[in-house]
N, C-alpha and C. Protein backbone atom coordinates (compact mmCIF):
# COMPACT_ATOMS: atom_id res chain seq x y z
N MET A 1 -5.17 -27.98 5.15
CA MET A 1 -5.40 -26.77 5.81
C MET A 1 -5.67 -27.03 7.26
N THR A 2 -5.02 -26.23 8.09
CA THR A 2 -5.23 -26.47 9.54
C THR A 2 -6.04 -25.44 10.19
N ALA A 3 -6.73 -25.76 11.16
CA ALA A 3 -7.64 -24.87 11.75
C ALA A 3 -6.85 -23.81 12.69
N ARG A 4 -7.30 -22.67 12.72
CA ARG A 4 -6.58 -21.65 13.48
C ARG A 4 -6.99 -21.74 14.89
N ALA A 5 -6.04 -21.71 15.83
CA ALA A 5 -6.30 -21.82 17.26
C ALA A 5 -7.05 -20.51 17.72
N LYS A 6 -7.97 -20.60 18.54
CA LYS A 6 -8.61 -19.40 19.04
C LYS A 6 -7.80 -18.64 20.09
N ASP A 7 -7.76 -17.37 19.94
CA ASP A 7 -6.98 -16.58 20.86
C ASP A 7 -7.81 -16.32 22.19
N PRO A 8 -7.26 -16.76 23.29
CA PRO A 8 -8.03 -16.62 24.62
C PRO A 8 -8.21 -15.16 24.94
N ALA A 9 -7.36 -14.27 24.44
CA ALA A 9 -7.44 -12.86 24.78
C ALA A 9 -8.26 -12.05 23.90
N ALA A 10 -8.74 -12.68 22.79
CA ALA A 10 -9.61 -11.99 21.87
C ALA A 10 -11.02 -11.72 22.38
N PRO A 11 -11.56 -10.54 22.10
CA PRO A 11 -12.87 -10.14 22.54
C PRO A 11 -13.99 -11.10 22.04
N THR A 12 -14.97 -11.34 22.85
CA THR A 12 -16.06 -12.33 22.48
C THR A 12 -17.32 -11.60 22.17
N ASP A 13 -17.63 -10.48 22.84
CA ASP A 13 -18.90 -9.79 22.64
C ASP A 13 -18.88 -8.72 21.55
N ALA A 14 -19.94 -8.39 20.96
CA ALA A 14 -19.88 -7.54 19.86
C ALA A 14 -19.43 -6.13 20.19
N LYS A 15 -19.67 -5.57 21.37
CA LYS A 15 -19.22 -4.19 21.70
C LYS A 15 -17.68 -4.25 21.85
N ALA A 16 -17.08 -5.23 22.39
CA ALA A 16 -15.64 -5.41 22.58
C ALA A 16 -14.93 -5.57 21.16
N LYS A 17 -15.61 -6.29 20.32
CA LYS A 17 -15.03 -6.43 18.94
C LYS A 17 -15.07 -5.14 18.12
N ALA A 18 -16.20 -4.47 18.36
CA ALA A 18 -16.24 -3.17 17.69
C ALA A 18 -15.26 -2.11 18.28
N ALA A 19 -14.96 -2.15 19.51
CA ALA A 19 -14.00 -1.25 20.15
C ALA A 19 -12.59 -1.57 19.63
N VAL A 20 -12.25 -2.87 19.55
CA VAL A 20 -10.94 -3.23 18.98
C VAL A 20 -10.77 -2.83 17.52
N LYS A 21 -11.88 -3.01 16.76
CA LYS A 21 -11.85 -2.62 15.32
C LYS A 21 -11.72 -1.13 15.21
N ARG A 22 -12.38 -0.39 16.08
CA ARG A 22 -12.32 1.05 16.08
C ARG A 22 -10.90 1.60 16.31
N ALA A 23 -10.21 0.96 17.33
CA ALA A 23 -8.87 1.28 17.72
C ALA A 23 -7.95 0.96 16.56
N ALA A 24 -8.05 -0.15 15.99
CA ALA A 24 -7.19 -0.60 14.78
C ALA A 24 -7.45 0.39 13.69
N ALA A 25 -8.64 0.78 13.36
CA ALA A 25 -8.92 1.65 12.27
C ALA A 25 -8.25 3.10 12.58
N GLY A 26 -8.36 3.48 13.78
CA GLY A 26 -7.71 4.75 14.17
C GLY A 26 -6.18 4.68 14.06
N SER A 27 -5.57 3.48 14.30
CA SER A 27 -4.15 3.38 14.26
C SER A 27 -3.71 3.41 12.78
N VAL A 28 -4.52 2.80 11.91
CA VAL A 28 -4.32 2.92 10.49
C VAL A 28 -4.41 4.38 9.92
N THR A 29 -5.46 5.07 10.36
CA THR A 29 -5.63 6.37 9.90
C THR A 29 -4.45 7.30 10.46
N GLU A 30 -4.10 7.02 11.68
CA GLU A 30 -2.95 7.82 12.28
C GLU A 30 -1.63 7.58 11.38
N ALA A 31 -1.45 6.34 10.99
CA ALA A 31 -0.22 6.01 10.23
C ALA A 31 -0.25 6.63 8.83
N ILE A 32 -1.49 6.65 8.25
CA ILE A 32 -1.68 7.29 6.93
C ILE A 32 -1.38 8.82 6.99
N GLY A 33 -1.90 9.36 8.05
CA GLY A 33 -1.59 10.79 8.32
C GLY A 33 -0.18 11.11 8.41
N LYS A 34 0.60 10.21 9.12
CA LYS A 34 2.05 10.50 9.30
C LYS A 34 2.68 10.31 7.91
N LEU A 35 2.29 9.32 7.04
CA LEU A 35 2.94 8.99 5.74
C LEU A 35 2.62 10.13 4.87
N ILE A 36 1.46 10.75 4.86
CA ILE A 36 1.27 11.73 3.85
C ILE A 36 1.54 13.12 4.41
N GLY A 37 1.87 13.26 5.72
CA GLY A 37 2.28 14.49 6.28
C GLY A 37 1.04 15.41 6.61
N ASP A 38 -0.08 14.86 6.77
CA ASP A 38 -1.31 15.58 7.10
C ASP A 38 -1.55 15.48 8.58
N ASP A 39 -1.32 16.60 9.25
CA ASP A 39 -1.45 16.55 10.79
C ASP A 39 -2.90 16.41 11.16
N ALA A 40 -3.86 16.87 10.41
CA ALA A 40 -5.33 16.79 10.80
C ALA A 40 -5.67 15.30 10.72
N VAL A 41 -5.31 14.60 9.67
CA VAL A 41 -5.61 13.12 9.65
C VAL A 41 -4.87 12.41 10.63
N ARG A 42 -3.71 12.74 10.99
CA ARG A 42 -2.97 12.05 12.01
C ARG A 42 -3.58 12.23 13.42
N GLU A 43 -4.11 13.45 13.75
CA GLU A 43 -4.63 13.76 14.91
C GLU A 43 -6.04 12.98 15.04
N ARG A 44 -6.77 12.96 13.93
CA ARG A 44 -8.12 12.31 13.95
C ARG A 44 -7.89 10.78 14.19
N GLY A 45 -6.86 10.26 13.62
CA GLY A 45 -6.58 8.81 13.80
C GLY A 45 -6.12 8.61 15.21
N THR A 46 -5.36 9.52 15.79
CA THR A 46 -4.88 9.30 17.24
C THR A 46 -6.17 9.36 18.07
N ALA A 47 -7.02 10.29 17.84
CA ALA A 47 -8.30 10.44 18.67
C ALA A 47 -9.11 9.17 18.52
N GLU A 48 -9.24 8.61 17.34
CA GLU A 48 -10.10 7.44 17.13
C GLU A 48 -9.45 6.28 17.80
N LYS A 49 -8.12 6.15 17.72
CA LYS A 49 -7.39 5.06 18.40
C LYS A 49 -7.58 5.12 19.86
N LYS A 50 -7.49 6.25 20.44
CA LYS A 50 -7.70 6.38 21.92
C LYS A 50 -9.09 6.11 22.39
N ALA A 51 -10.05 6.55 21.49
CA ALA A 51 -11.47 6.24 21.81
C ALA A 51 -11.82 4.81 21.76
N GLY A 52 -11.22 4.11 20.82
CA GLY A 52 -11.42 2.62 20.72
C GLY A 52 -10.76 1.90 21.81
N ALA A 53 -9.56 2.40 22.19
CA ALA A 53 -8.91 1.71 23.36
C ALA A 53 -9.68 1.96 24.64
N ALA A 54 -10.25 3.08 24.86
CA ALA A 54 -10.99 3.34 26.01
C ALA A 54 -12.27 2.51 26.04
N ASP A 55 -12.95 2.43 24.85
CA ASP A 55 -14.09 1.58 24.81
C ASP A 55 -13.73 0.08 25.10
N ALA A 56 -12.59 -0.32 24.63
CA ALA A 56 -12.16 -1.76 24.77
C ALA A 56 -11.86 -2.05 26.24
N SER A 57 -11.29 -1.02 26.85
CA SER A 57 -10.94 -1.21 28.32
C SER A 57 -12.21 -1.06 29.27
N GLY A 58 -13.13 -0.40 28.81
CA GLY A 58 -14.45 -0.13 29.55
C GLY A 58 -14.35 1.10 30.38
N ARG A 59 -13.27 1.87 30.23
CA ARG A 59 -13.05 3.14 30.98
C ARG A 59 -14.03 4.18 30.37
N LYS A 60 -14.58 4.97 31.40
CA LYS A 60 -15.48 6.06 31.02
C LYS A 60 -14.62 7.34 31.06
N THR A 61 -14.41 7.96 29.84
CA THR A 61 -13.71 9.19 29.75
C THR A 61 -14.59 10.27 29.09
N SER A 62 -14.18 11.49 29.34
CA SER A 62 -14.97 12.67 28.70
C SER A 62 -14.31 12.77 27.27
N PRO A 63 -15.09 13.21 26.38
CA PRO A 63 -14.63 13.40 25.00
C PRO A 63 -13.49 14.36 24.79
N ARG A 64 -13.26 15.28 25.83
CA ARG A 64 -12.27 16.33 25.82
C ARG A 64 -10.96 15.84 26.24
N SER A 65 -10.77 14.63 26.76
CA SER A 65 -9.53 14.19 27.33
C SER A 65 -8.66 13.57 26.23
């Protein structure tokens, strides 16, 4: 078994890891919404994905954008 090389672009602090995880979960939710044809689920996933991406980048945005 070989050791996996560390990704230098991977987040190292807990907040950054949580933001990336939130964006990924939102992306999955969005995809599920598209598959089942549920616009509410798709929109919720899109919003979660955008919120996670904003957290990961450190941008401050209003919840209405």
